[in-house]
Amino acid sequence: MVKRNTGVKDDVRMQRKSGFTLVELLVVMVILSVLAVIVTSTFSSSIRRGRDSRRKEDLRALSGALEAYFNDKGQYPLGVSGKMAGCGTADAQVCEWGEEMRDSEETLYMVIIPEDPLGTQQYYYVSADGSTYAAYAKLENTLDQGAGADQDGYPGTDCSSGGTEIECTYGISSTDTTP
């Protein structure tokens, strides 16, 4: 018969093999931290790209409403401080972002004039004489600056909703002009 040694030495050896060392735990924590940073940055980037896509679609929808307005009135709404003056009595009231676009004859052109998805920014509308228009937005993705905007955006177009000026970086316009 073989005699087994069940002394203290065997108990210590078993305790070492049954747990993780501090170094192993630190390595796992570092790996998990790196993965968390990668996932978070990818998610944030996706959110920004999604808001930029919405901005572009909002301006395309606004363009359709402005073309319908032009077909009915023979001119685009005039621009007043970055907003449209084509609503309400005599088509002279300023249309607010986030409200409906309805003229003096109660013709509804847009159920809701789109607003920028961020509360710190707004869209910007320009039409000096009603023969052309341009609408602008500030994109968050700096690599997607949009139709013709350079690094400085569109000079003179402020896409902030008040406070610090935010240069617009994306624009659309009537077919006979460029943003």
N, C-alpha and C. Protein backbone atom coordinates (compact mmCIF):
# COMPACT_ATOMS: atom_id res chain seq x y z
N MET A 1 0.83 -1.15 0.00
CA MET A 1 0.00 0.00 0.00
C MET A 1 0.89 1.24 0.00
N VAL A 2 0.45 2.25 -0.83
CA VAL A 2 1.22 3.47 -0.96
C VAL A 2 0.71 4.46 0.07
N LYS A 3 1.65 5.04 0.75
CA LYS A 3 1.30 5.98 1.80
C LYS A 3 1.31 7.39 1.23
N ARG A 4 0.22 8.14 1.46
CA ARG A 4 0.12 9.52 0.97
C ARG A 4 0.53 10.48 2.07
N ASN A 5 1.20 11.51 1.62
CA ASN A 5 1.60 12.54 2.56
C ASN A 5 0.54 13.63 2.53
N THR A 6 -0.14 13.85 3.57
CA THR A 6 -1.21 14.85 3.65
C THR A 6 -0.82 15.99 4.56
N GLY A 7 0.40 16.40 4.47
CA GLY A 7 0.90 17.44 5.37
C GLY A 7 0.51 18.83 4.93
N VAL A 8 1.02 19.78 5.62
CA VAL A 8 0.75 21.20 5.38
C VAL A 8 1.26 21.64 4.02
N LYS A 9 2.34 21.07 3.57
CA LYS A 9 2.94 21.44 2.29
C LYS A 9 1.95 21.22 1.15
N ASP A 10 1.24 20.12 1.12
CA ASP A 10 0.26 19.84 0.08
C ASP A 10 -0.92 20.81 0.15
N ASP A 11 -1.34 21.20 1.34
CA ASP A 11 -2.44 22.14 1.49
C ASP A 11 -2.07 23.50 0.91
N VAL A 12 -0.85 23.96 1.09
CA VAL A 12 -0.40 25.26 0.56
C VAL A 12 -0.36 25.20 -0.96
N ARG A 13 0.14 24.11 -1.52
CA ARG A 13 0.22 23.96 -2.96
C ARG A 13 -1.18 23.99 -3.57
N MET A 14 -2.16 23.38 -2.97
CA MET A 14 -3.54 23.36 -3.46
C MET A 14 -4.15 24.77 -3.40
N GLN A 15 -3.83 25.53 -2.36
CA GLN A 15 -4.38 26.88 -2.24
C GLN A 15 -3.84 27.78 -3.34
N ARG A 16 -2.61 27.66 -3.72
CA ARG A 16 -2.02 28.48 -4.78
C ARG A 16 -2.67 28.19 -6.12
N LYS A 17 -2.95 26.98 -6.40
CA LYS A 17 -3.50 26.60 -7.70
C LYS A 17 -4.98 26.92 -7.83
N SER A 18 -5.68 27.15 -6.77
CA SER A 18 -7.11 27.35 -6.85
C SER A 18 -7.52 28.80 -7.07
N GLY A 19 -6.62 29.80 -7.06
CA GLY A 19 -6.99 31.20 -7.21
C GLY A 19 -6.21 31.89 -8.31
N PHE A 20 -6.49 33.20 -8.52
CA PHE A 20 -5.80 34.01 -9.51
C PHE A 20 -4.79 34.90 -8.79
N THR A 21 -3.71 35.19 -9.45
CA THR A 21 -2.73 36.09 -8.86
C THR A 21 -3.17 37.52 -9.12
N LEU A 22 -2.59 38.43 -8.40
CA LEU A 22 -2.90 39.84 -8.56
C LEU A 22 -2.54 40.32 -9.97
N VAL A 23 -1.45 39.86 -10.52
CA VAL A 23 -1.03 40.24 -11.86
C VAL A 23 -2.05 39.77 -12.89
N GLU A 24 -2.55 38.57 -12.76
CA GLU A 24 -3.56 38.06 -13.69
C GLU A 24 -4.83 38.89 -13.64
N LEU A 25 -5.25 39.25 -12.45
CA LEU A 25 -6.45 40.10 -12.31
C LEU A 25 -6.23 41.48 -12.93
N LEU A 26 -5.05 42.07 -12.74
CA LEU A 26 -4.75 43.38 -13.33
C LEU A 26 -4.74 43.32 -14.85
N VAL A 27 -4.18 42.26 -15.42
CA VAL A 27 -4.16 42.10 -16.87
C VAL A 27 -5.58 42.01 -17.41
N VAL A 28 -6.43 41.26 -16.78
CA VAL A 28 -7.83 41.13 -17.21
C VAL A 28 -8.53 42.48 -17.11
N MET A 29 -8.29 43.23 -16.04
CA MET A 29 -8.93 44.54 -15.88
C MET A 29 -8.46 45.52 -16.95
N VAL A 30 -7.19 45.48 -17.31
CA VAL A 30 -6.68 46.36 -18.36
C VAL A 30 -7.31 46.01 -19.70
N ILE A 31 -7.41 44.74 -20.01
CA ILE A 31 -8.03 44.30 -21.27
C ILE A 31 -9.48 44.74 -21.33
N LEU A 32 -10.21 44.56 -20.25
CA LEU A 32 -11.61 44.99 -20.22
C LEU A 32 -11.74 46.50 -20.37
N SER A 33 -10.83 47.26 -19.78
CA SER A 33 -10.86 48.72 -19.89
C SER A 33 -10.62 49.16 -21.33
N VAL A 34 -9.67 48.55 -21.99
CA VAL A 34 -9.38 48.89 -23.39
C VAL A 34 -10.59 48.58 -24.26
N LEU A 35 -11.21 47.44 -24.05
CA LEU A 35 -12.40 47.08 -24.82
C LEU A 35 -13.54 48.06 -24.56
N ALA A 36 -13.70 48.48 -23.33
CA ALA A 36 -14.77 49.44 -22.99
C ALA A 36 -14.54 50.77 -23.69
N VAL A 37 -13.30 51.23 -23.75
CA VAL A 37 -12.99 52.50 -24.44
C VAL A 37 -13.28 52.37 -25.93
N ILE A 38 -12.92 51.28 -26.54
CA ILE A 38 -13.16 51.07 -27.97
C ILE A 38 -14.65 51.06 -28.26
N VAL A 39 -15.42 50.34 -27.47
CA VAL A 39 -16.86 50.26 -27.68
C VAL A 39 -17.51 51.62 -27.49
N THR A 40 -17.10 52.35 -26.46
CA THR A 40 -17.68 53.66 -26.18
C THR A 40 -17.39 54.64 -27.31
N SER A 41 -16.15 54.67 -27.79
CA SER A 41 -15.82 55.62 -28.86
C SER A 41 -16.53 55.26 -30.15
N THR A 42 -16.67 53.99 -30.45
CA THR A 42 -17.40 53.57 -31.65
C THR A 42 -18.87 53.95 -31.55
N PHE A 43 -19.45 53.77 -30.39
CA PHE A 43 -20.86 54.11 -30.17
C PHE A 43 -21.05 55.62 -30.30
N SER A 44 -20.17 56.42 -29.71
CA SER A 44 -20.28 57.87 -29.80
C SER A 44 -20.17 58.34 -31.24
N SER A 45 -19.26 57.76 -31.99
CA SER A 45 -19.09 58.11 -33.39
C SER A 45 -20.34 57.77 -34.19
N SER A 46 -20.95 56.65 -33.90
CA SER A 46 -22.19 56.26 -34.59
C SER A 46 -23.32 57.24 -34.29
N ILE A 47 -23.40 57.67 -33.06
CA ILE A 47 -24.44 58.64 -32.67
C ILE A 47 -24.24 59.95 -33.43
N ARG A 48 -23.00 60.44 -33.51
CA ARG A 48 -22.72 61.69 -34.24
C ARG A 48 -23.06 61.54 -35.72
N ARG A 49 -22.68 60.44 -36.33
CA ARG A 49 -23.00 60.22 -37.75
C ARG A 49 -24.51 60.15 -37.97
N GLY A 50 -25.21 59.55 -37.03
CA GLY A 50 -26.67 59.49 -37.12
C GLY A 50 -27.31 60.86 -37.07
N ARG A 51 -26.81 61.73 -36.16
CA ARG A 51 -27.35 63.09 -36.10
C ARG A 51 -27.02 63.87 -37.37
N ASP A 52 -25.82 63.65 -37.93
CA ASP A 52 -25.46 64.32 -39.18
C ASP A 52 -26.37 63.86 -40.33
N SER A 53 -26.67 62.58 -40.38
CA SER A 53 -27.59 62.07 -41.41
C SER A 53 -28.96 62.71 -41.26
N ARG A 54 -29.40 62.85 -40.03
CA ARG A 54 -30.70 63.49 -39.79
C ARG A 54 -30.68 64.95 -40.24
N ARG A 55 -29.58 65.65 -39.98
CA ARG A 55 -29.48 67.05 -40.41
C ARG A 55 -29.60 67.16 -41.92
N LYS A 56 -28.89 66.29 -42.63
CA LYS A 56 -28.94 66.33 -44.09
C LYS A 56 -30.35 66.02 -44.60
N GLU A 57 -31.00 65.05 -44.00
CA GLU A 57 -32.37 64.70 -44.39
C GLU A 57 -33.34 65.82 -44.04
N ASP A 58 -33.16 66.47 -42.90
CA ASP A 58 -34.00 67.61 -42.52
C ASP A 58 -33.91 68.72 -43.55
N LEU A 59 -32.70 69.04 -43.99
CA LEU A 59 -32.54 70.11 -44.97
C LEU A 59 -33.11 69.71 -46.34
N ARG A 60 -33.01 68.43 -46.70
CA ARG A 60 -33.63 67.98 -47.96
C ARG A 60 -35.16 68.10 -47.87
N ALA A 61 -35.73 67.74 -46.73
CA ALA A 61 -37.18 67.86 -46.56
C ALA A 61 -37.60 69.34 -46.59
N LEU A 62 -36.82 70.19 -45.96
CA LEU A 62 -37.09 71.63 -45.98
C LEU A 62 -37.02 72.15 -47.41
N SER A 63 -36.07 71.65 -48.18
CA SER A 63 -35.94 72.06 -49.57
C SER A 63 -37.21 71.74 -50.36
N GLY A 64 -37.77 70.56 -50.13
CA GLY A 64 -39.02 70.19 -50.80
C GLY A 64 -40.16 71.13 -50.46
N ALA A 65 -40.27 71.49 -49.19
CA ALA A 65 -41.32 72.42 -48.76
C ALA A 65 -41.10 73.80 -49.37
N LEU A 66 -39.85 74.23 -49.45
CA LEU A 66 -39.55 75.54 -50.03
C LEU A 66 -39.85 75.58 -51.52
N GLU A 67 -39.61 74.48 -52.21
CA GLU A 67 -39.94 74.42 -53.63
C GLU A 67 -41.46 74.46 -53.84
N ALA A 68 -42.22 73.80 -52.99
CA ALA A 68 -43.69 73.87 -53.07
C ALA A 68 -44.16 75.30 -52.79
N TYR A 69 -43.55 75.96 -51.82
CA TYR A 69 -43.87 77.35 -51.50
C TYR A 69 -43.58 78.24 -52.73
N PHE A 70 -42.44 78.01 -53.36
CA PHE A 70 -42.06 78.78 -54.56
C PHE A 70 -43.07 78.57 -55.68
N ASN A 71 -43.51 77.32 -55.87
CA ASN A 71 -44.50 77.04 -56.91
C ASN A 71 -45.80 77.78 -56.68
N ASP A 72 -46.21 77.93 -55.42
CA ASP A 72 -47.45 78.63 -55.09
C ASP A 72 -47.31 80.14 -55.10
N LYS A 73 -46.19 80.66 -54.61
CA LYS A 73 -46.03 82.10 -54.39
C LYS A 73 -45.16 82.81 -55.42
N GLY A 74 -44.36 82.05 -56.17
CA GLY A 74 -43.46 82.68 -57.13
C GLY A 74 -42.18 83.20 -56.51
N GLN A 75 -41.98 82.94 -55.25
CA GLN A 75 -40.74 83.32 -54.57
C GLN A 75 -40.58 82.47 -53.31
N TYR A 76 -39.36 82.42 -52.82
CA TYR A 76 -39.09 81.70 -51.57
C TYR A 76 -39.34 82.63 -50.40
N PRO A 77 -39.59 82.08 -49.21
CA PRO A 77 -39.73 82.96 -48.04
C PRO A 77 -38.45 83.76 -47.81
N LEU A 78 -38.60 84.99 -47.39
CA LEU A 78 -37.43 85.81 -47.11
C LEU A 78 -36.76 85.33 -45.83
N GLY A 79 -35.46 85.55 -45.74
CA GLY A 79 -34.71 85.17 -44.55
C GLY A 79 -34.63 86.33 -43.57
N VAL A 80 -34.87 86.02 -42.29
CA VAL A 80 -34.78 87.02 -41.23
C VAL A 80 -33.98 86.41 -40.08
N SER A 81 -32.78 86.90 -39.88
CA SER A 81 -31.92 86.43 -38.79
C SER A 81 -31.78 84.91 -38.76
N GLY A 82 -31.60 84.30 -39.90
CA GLY A 82 -31.40 82.86 -39.99
C GLY A 82 -32.67 82.03 -40.00
N LYS A 83 -33.83 82.69 -40.04
CA LYS A 83 -35.11 81.98 -40.08
C LYS A 83 -35.90 82.45 -41.30
N MET A 84 -37.01 81.76 -41.59
CA MET A 84 -37.86 82.10 -42.73
C MET A 84 -38.99 83.03 -42.30
N ALA A 85 -39.29 84.01 -43.14
CA ALA A 85 -40.42 84.89 -42.91
C ALA A 85 -41.46 84.57 -43.97
N GLY A 86 -42.12 83.42 -43.86
CA GLY A 86 -43.10 83.03 -44.86
C GLY A 86 -44.34 82.44 -44.24
N CYS A 87 -44.55 82.67 -42.98
CA CYS A 87 -45.69 82.08 -42.28
C CYS A 87 -46.69 83.16 -41.89
N GLY A 88 -47.89 82.72 -41.56
CA GLY A 88 -48.89 83.58 -40.95
C GLY A 88 -49.40 84.72 -41.81
N THR A 89 -49.87 85.76 -41.15
CA THR A 89 -50.50 86.91 -41.78
C THR A 89 -49.60 87.52 -42.84
N ALA A 90 -50.13 87.66 -44.04
CA ALA A 90 -49.42 88.25 -45.19
C ALA A 90 -48.11 87.53 -45.48
N ASP A 91 -48.00 86.29 -45.03
CA ASP A 91 -46.78 85.49 -45.23
C ASP A 91 -45.53 86.20 -44.72
N ALA A 92 -45.68 87.03 -43.69
CA ALA A 92 -44.57 87.84 -43.21
C ALA A 92 -44.08 87.43 -41.83
N GLN A 93 -44.80 86.56 -41.14
CA GLN A 93 -44.35 86.16 -39.81
C GLN A 93 -43.18 85.19 -39.93
N VAL A 94 -42.31 85.25 -38.95
CA VAL A 94 -41.15 84.37 -38.94
C VAL A 94 -41.59 82.96 -38.56
N CYS A 95 -41.21 82.00 -39.37
CA CYS A 95 -41.48 80.59 -39.08
C CYS A 95 -40.40 80.11 -38.11
N GLU A 96 -40.80 79.59 -36.99
CA GLU A 96 -39.84 79.13 -35.99
C GLU A 96 -39.46 77.69 -36.26
N TRP A 97 -38.19 77.35 -36.01
CA TRP A 97 -37.75 75.96 -36.11
C TRP A 97 -38.52 75.13 -35.10
N GLY A 98 -39.04 74.01 -35.52
CA GLY A 98 -39.79 73.13 -34.64
C GLY A 98 -41.29 73.37 -34.66
N GLU A 99 -41.74 74.36 -35.45
CA GLU A 99 -43.16 74.64 -35.57
C GLU A 99 -43.61 74.36 -37.00
N GLU A 100 -44.90 74.49 -37.27
CA GLU A 100 -45.40 74.21 -38.61
C GLU A 100 -45.13 75.39 -39.54
N MET A 101 -45.07 75.08 -40.82
CA MET A 101 -44.91 76.13 -41.84
C MET A 101 -46.23 76.23 -42.59
N ARG A 102 -46.99 77.28 -42.24
CA ARG A 102 -48.32 77.50 -42.82
C ARG A 102 -48.40 78.96 -43.25
N ASP A 103 -48.89 79.20 -44.46
CA ASP A 103 -48.96 80.57 -44.96
C ASP A 103 -50.26 81.25 -44.56
N SER A 104 -50.48 82.46 -45.07
CA SER A 104 -51.66 83.25 -44.71
C SER A 104 -52.95 82.64 -45.22
N GLU A 105 -52.87 81.79 -46.24
CA GLU A 105 -54.06 81.12 -46.78
C GLU A 105 -54.28 79.76 -46.13
N GLU A 106 -53.55 79.50 -45.05
CA GLU A 106 -53.63 78.24 -44.29
C GLU A 106 -53.12 77.03 -45.06
N THR A 107 -52.32 77.27 -46.10
CA THR A 107 -51.68 76.16 -46.80
C THR A 107 -50.55 75.64 -45.94
N LEU A 108 -50.56 74.35 -45.69
CA LEU A 108 -49.53 73.73 -44.84
C LEU A 108 -48.41 73.20 -45.73
N TYR A 109 -47.22 73.74 -45.55
CA TYR A 109 -46.06 73.30 -46.34
C TYR A 109 -45.22 72.29 -45.58
N MET A 110 -45.14 72.42 -44.28
CA MET A 110 -44.44 71.44 -43.43
C MET A 110 -45.18 71.34 -42.11
N VAL A 111 -45.43 70.12 -41.68
CA VAL A 111 -46.08 69.92 -40.39
C VAL A 111 -45.18 70.43 -39.28
N ILE A 112 -43.90 70.11 -39.38
CA ILE A 112 -42.92 70.62 -38.41
C ILE A 112 -41.67 71.02 -39.17
N ILE A 113 -41.30 72.28 -39.06
CA ILE A 113 -40.03 72.73 -39.64
C ILE A 113 -38.94 72.10 -38.78
N PRO A 114 -38.03 71.35 -39.37
CA PRO A 114 -37.08 70.59 -38.56
C PRO A 114 -36.19 71.47 -37.69
N GLU A 115 -35.82 70.91 -36.55
CA GLU A 115 -34.86 71.55 -35.65
C GLU A 115 -33.61 70.68 -35.58
N ASP A 116 -32.50 71.31 -35.28
CA ASP A 116 -31.26 70.55 -35.11
C ASP A 116 -31.42 69.61 -33.92
N PRO A 117 -30.88 68.38 -34.03
CA PRO A 117 -31.03 67.41 -32.94
C PRO A 117 -30.32 67.82 -31.64
N LEU A 118 -29.36 68.73 -31.72
CA LEU A 118 -28.70 69.23 -30.50
C LEU A 118 -29.32 70.56 -30.10
N GLY A 119 -29.53 70.77 -28.84
CA GLY A 119 -30.11 72.02 -28.38
C GLY A 119 -29.16 73.21 -28.48
N THR A 120 -27.88 72.97 -28.69
CA THR A 120 -26.91 74.06 -28.75
C THR A 120 -26.71 74.58 -30.17
N GLN A 121 -27.36 73.96 -31.15
CA GLN A 121 -27.22 74.37 -32.55
C GLN A 121 -28.59 74.56 -33.15
N GLN A 122 -28.62 75.26 -34.31
CA GLN A 122 -29.86 75.41 -35.07
C GLN A 122 -29.51 75.46 -36.54
N TYR A 123 -30.51 75.28 -37.37
CA TYR A 123 -30.33 75.45 -38.80
C TYR A 123 -30.36 76.94 -39.11
N TYR A 124 -29.82 77.29 -40.26
CA TYR A 124 -29.73 78.70 -40.64
C TYR A 124 -30.29 78.85 -42.06
N TYR A 125 -31.16 79.81 -42.26
CA TYR A 125 -31.83 80.03 -43.55
C TYR A 125 -31.49 81.42 -44.08
N VAL A 126 -31.21 81.50 -45.38
CA VAL A 126 -30.87 82.77 -46.01
C VAL A 126 -31.66 82.91 -47.31
N SER A 127 -32.32 84.05 -47.48
CA SER A 127 -32.95 84.42 -48.75
C SER A 127 -33.14 85.93 -48.72
N ALA A 128 -32.30 86.63 -49.47
CA ALA A 128 -32.32 88.09 -49.43
C ALA A 128 -33.53 88.68 -50.15
N ASP A 129 -33.85 88.15 -51.34
CA ASP A 129 -34.92 88.75 -52.13
C ASP A 129 -36.01 87.76 -52.54
N GLY A 130 -35.92 86.51 -52.11
CA GLY A 130 -36.93 85.52 -52.43
C GLY A 130 -36.71 84.80 -53.75
N SER A 131 -35.67 85.19 -54.50
CA SER A 131 -35.42 84.52 -55.79
C SER A 131 -34.57 83.25 -55.60
N THR A 132 -33.80 83.20 -54.53
CA THR A 132 -32.99 82.01 -54.21
C THR A 132 -33.03 81.82 -52.69
N TYR A 133 -32.58 80.66 -52.25
CA TYR A 133 -32.46 80.42 -50.82
C TYR A 133 -31.26 79.52 -50.58
N ALA A 134 -30.81 79.50 -49.35
CA ALA A 134 -29.79 78.55 -48.89
C ALA A 134 -30.12 78.22 -47.44
N ALA A 135 -29.94 76.96 -47.09
CA ALA A 135 -30.16 76.52 -45.71
C ALA A 135 -28.91 75.78 -45.26
N TYR A 136 -28.52 75.99 -44.01
CA TYR A 136 -27.26 75.47 -43.51
C TYR A 136 -27.44 74.71 -42.20
N ALA A 137 -26.46 73.85 -41.93
CA ALA A 137 -26.41 73.11 -40.66
C ALA A 137 -24.94 72.92 -40.28
N LYS A 138 -24.70 72.66 -39.04
CA LYS A 138 -23.36 72.35 -38.54
C LYS A 138 -23.28 70.84 -38.33
N LEU A 139 -22.41 70.16 -39.11
CA LEU A 139 -22.21 68.73 -38.94
C LEU A 139 -21.18 68.48 -37.85
N GLU A 140 -21.37 67.40 -37.10
CA GLU A 140 -20.45 67.05 -36.03
C GLU A 140 -19.22 66.31 -36.53
N ASN A 141 -19.38 65.54 -37.61
CA ASN A 141 -18.26 64.80 -38.17
C ASN A 141 -17.40 65.76 -38.98
N THR A 142 -16.22 66.06 -38.50
CA THR A 142 -15.36 67.04 -39.16
C THR A 142 -14.85 66.56 -40.51
N LEU A 143 -14.90 65.27 -40.77
CA LEU A 143 -14.45 64.75 -42.06
C LEU A 143 -15.54 64.83 -43.12
N ASP A 144 -16.78 65.09 -42.73
CA ASP A 144 -17.92 65.17 -43.64
C ASP A 144 -18.43 66.60 -43.62
N GLN A 145 -17.74 67.48 -44.29
CA GLN A 145 -18.08 68.90 -44.22
C GLN A 145 -19.18 69.30 -45.20
N GLY A 146 -19.57 68.42 -46.11
CA GLY A 146 -20.73 68.71 -46.92
C GLY A 146 -20.46 69.44 -48.21
N ALA A 147 -21.52 69.98 -48.75
CA ALA A 147 -21.51 70.53 -50.10
C ALA A 147 -20.74 71.85 -50.17
N GLY A 148 -19.47 71.76 -50.46
CA GLY A 148 -18.69 72.95 -50.75
C GLY A 148 -18.14 73.72 -49.57
N ALA A 149 -18.38 73.31 -48.37
CA ALA A 149 -17.86 74.05 -47.23
C ALA A 149 -16.38 73.78 -47.07
N ASP A 150 -15.62 74.83 -46.77
CA ASP A 150 -14.21 74.62 -46.51
C ASP A 150 -14.00 74.44 -45.00
N GLN A 151 -12.77 74.47 -44.56
CA GLN A 151 -12.47 74.25 -43.14
C GLN A 151 -13.16 75.27 -42.24
N ASP A 152 -13.38 76.48 -42.75
CA ASP A 152 -14.00 77.52 -41.95
C ASP A 152 -15.53 77.52 -42.05
N GLY A 153 -16.10 76.56 -42.75
CA GLY A 153 -17.54 76.50 -42.90
C GLY A 153 -18.03 77.55 -43.89
N TYR A 154 -19.22 78.04 -43.68
CA TYR A 154 -19.80 79.07 -44.53
C TYR A 154 -19.73 80.39 -43.76
N PRO A 155 -18.82 81.28 -44.14
CA PRO A 155 -18.66 82.53 -43.40
C PRO A 155 -19.97 83.30 -43.29
N GLY A 156 -20.24 83.78 -42.12
CA GLY A 156 -21.44 84.58 -41.89
C GLY A 156 -22.67 83.78 -41.54
N THR A 157 -22.59 82.46 -41.52
CA THR A 157 -23.74 81.65 -41.16
C THR A 157 -23.51 81.06 -39.78
N ASP A 158 -24.30 81.50 -38.85
CA ASP A 158 -24.15 81.12 -37.44
C ASP A 158 -25.19 80.07 -37.09
N CYS A 159 -24.76 78.85 -36.87
CA CYS A 159 -25.66 77.75 -36.54
C CYS A 159 -25.84 77.56 -35.04
N SER A 160 -25.46 78.55 -34.24
CA SER A 160 -25.66 78.40 -32.80
C SER A 160 -27.08 78.81 -32.44
N SER A 161 -27.57 78.31 -31.33
CA SER A 161 -28.91 78.71 -30.88
C SER A 161 -28.81 79.83 -29.87
N GLY A 162 -27.73 80.52 -29.88
CA GLY A 162 -27.51 81.63 -28.96
C GLY A 162 -26.18 81.43 -28.25
N GLY A 163 -25.55 82.53 -27.91
CA GLY A 163 -24.27 82.41 -27.23
C GLY A 163 -23.12 82.37 -28.22
N THR A 164 -22.20 81.45 -28.02
CA THR A 164 -21.00 81.34 -28.84
C THR A 164 -21.36 81.00 -30.28
N GLU A 165 -20.74 81.69 -31.23
CA GLU A 165 -21.03 81.45 -32.64
C GLU A 165 -20.49 80.09 -33.07
N ILE A 166 -21.30 79.35 -33.81
CA ILE A 166 -20.93 78.05 -34.36
C ILE A 166 -21.06 78.15 -35.87
N GLU A 167 -19.96 78.02 -36.60
CA GLU A 167 -19.99 78.12 -38.06
C GLU A 167 -20.68 76.90 -38.67
N CYS A 168 -21.59 77.13 -39.59
CA CYS A 168 -22.26 76.05 -40.33
C CYS A 168 -21.26 75.38 -41.27
N THR A 169 -21.40 74.08 -41.48
CA THR A 169 -20.47 73.35 -42.34
C THR A 169 -21.16 72.58 -43.46
N TYR A 170 -22.46 72.61 -43.54
CA TYR A 170 -23.20 71.89 -44.58
C TYR A 170 -24.30 72.78 -45.09
N GLY A 171 -24.51 72.81 -46.39
CA GLY A 171 -25.54 73.66 -46.93
C GLY A 171 -26.23 73.09 -48.15
N ILE A 172 -27.48 73.47 -48.33
CA ILE A 172 -28.23 73.16 -49.55
C ILE A 172 -28.81 74.49 -50.04
N SER A 173 -29.22 74.52 -51.29
CA SER A 173 -29.76 75.76 -51.82
C SER A 173 -30.73 75.49 -52.96
N SER A 174 -31.38 76.55 -53.42
CA SER A 174 -32.23 76.43 -54.58
C SER A 174 -31.35 76.04 -55.78
N THR A 175 -31.97 75.50 -56.80
CA THR A 175 -31.21 74.93 -57.91
C THR A 175 -30.40 75.97 -58.70
N ASP A 176 -30.78 77.23 -58.64
CA ASP A 176 -30.07 78.24 -59.44
C ASP A 176 -28.96 78.94 -58.67
N THR A 177 -28.59 78.42 -57.53
CA THR A 177 -27.49 79.02 -56.75
C THR A 177 -26.75 77.91 -56.01
N THR A 178 -25.65 78.27 -55.39
CA THR A 178 -24.91 77.30 -54.57
C THR A 178 -24.91 77.78 -53.14
N PRO A 179 -24.85 76.83 -52.19
CA PRO A 179 -24.87 77.23 -50.78
C PRO A 179 -23.63 78.03 -50.39
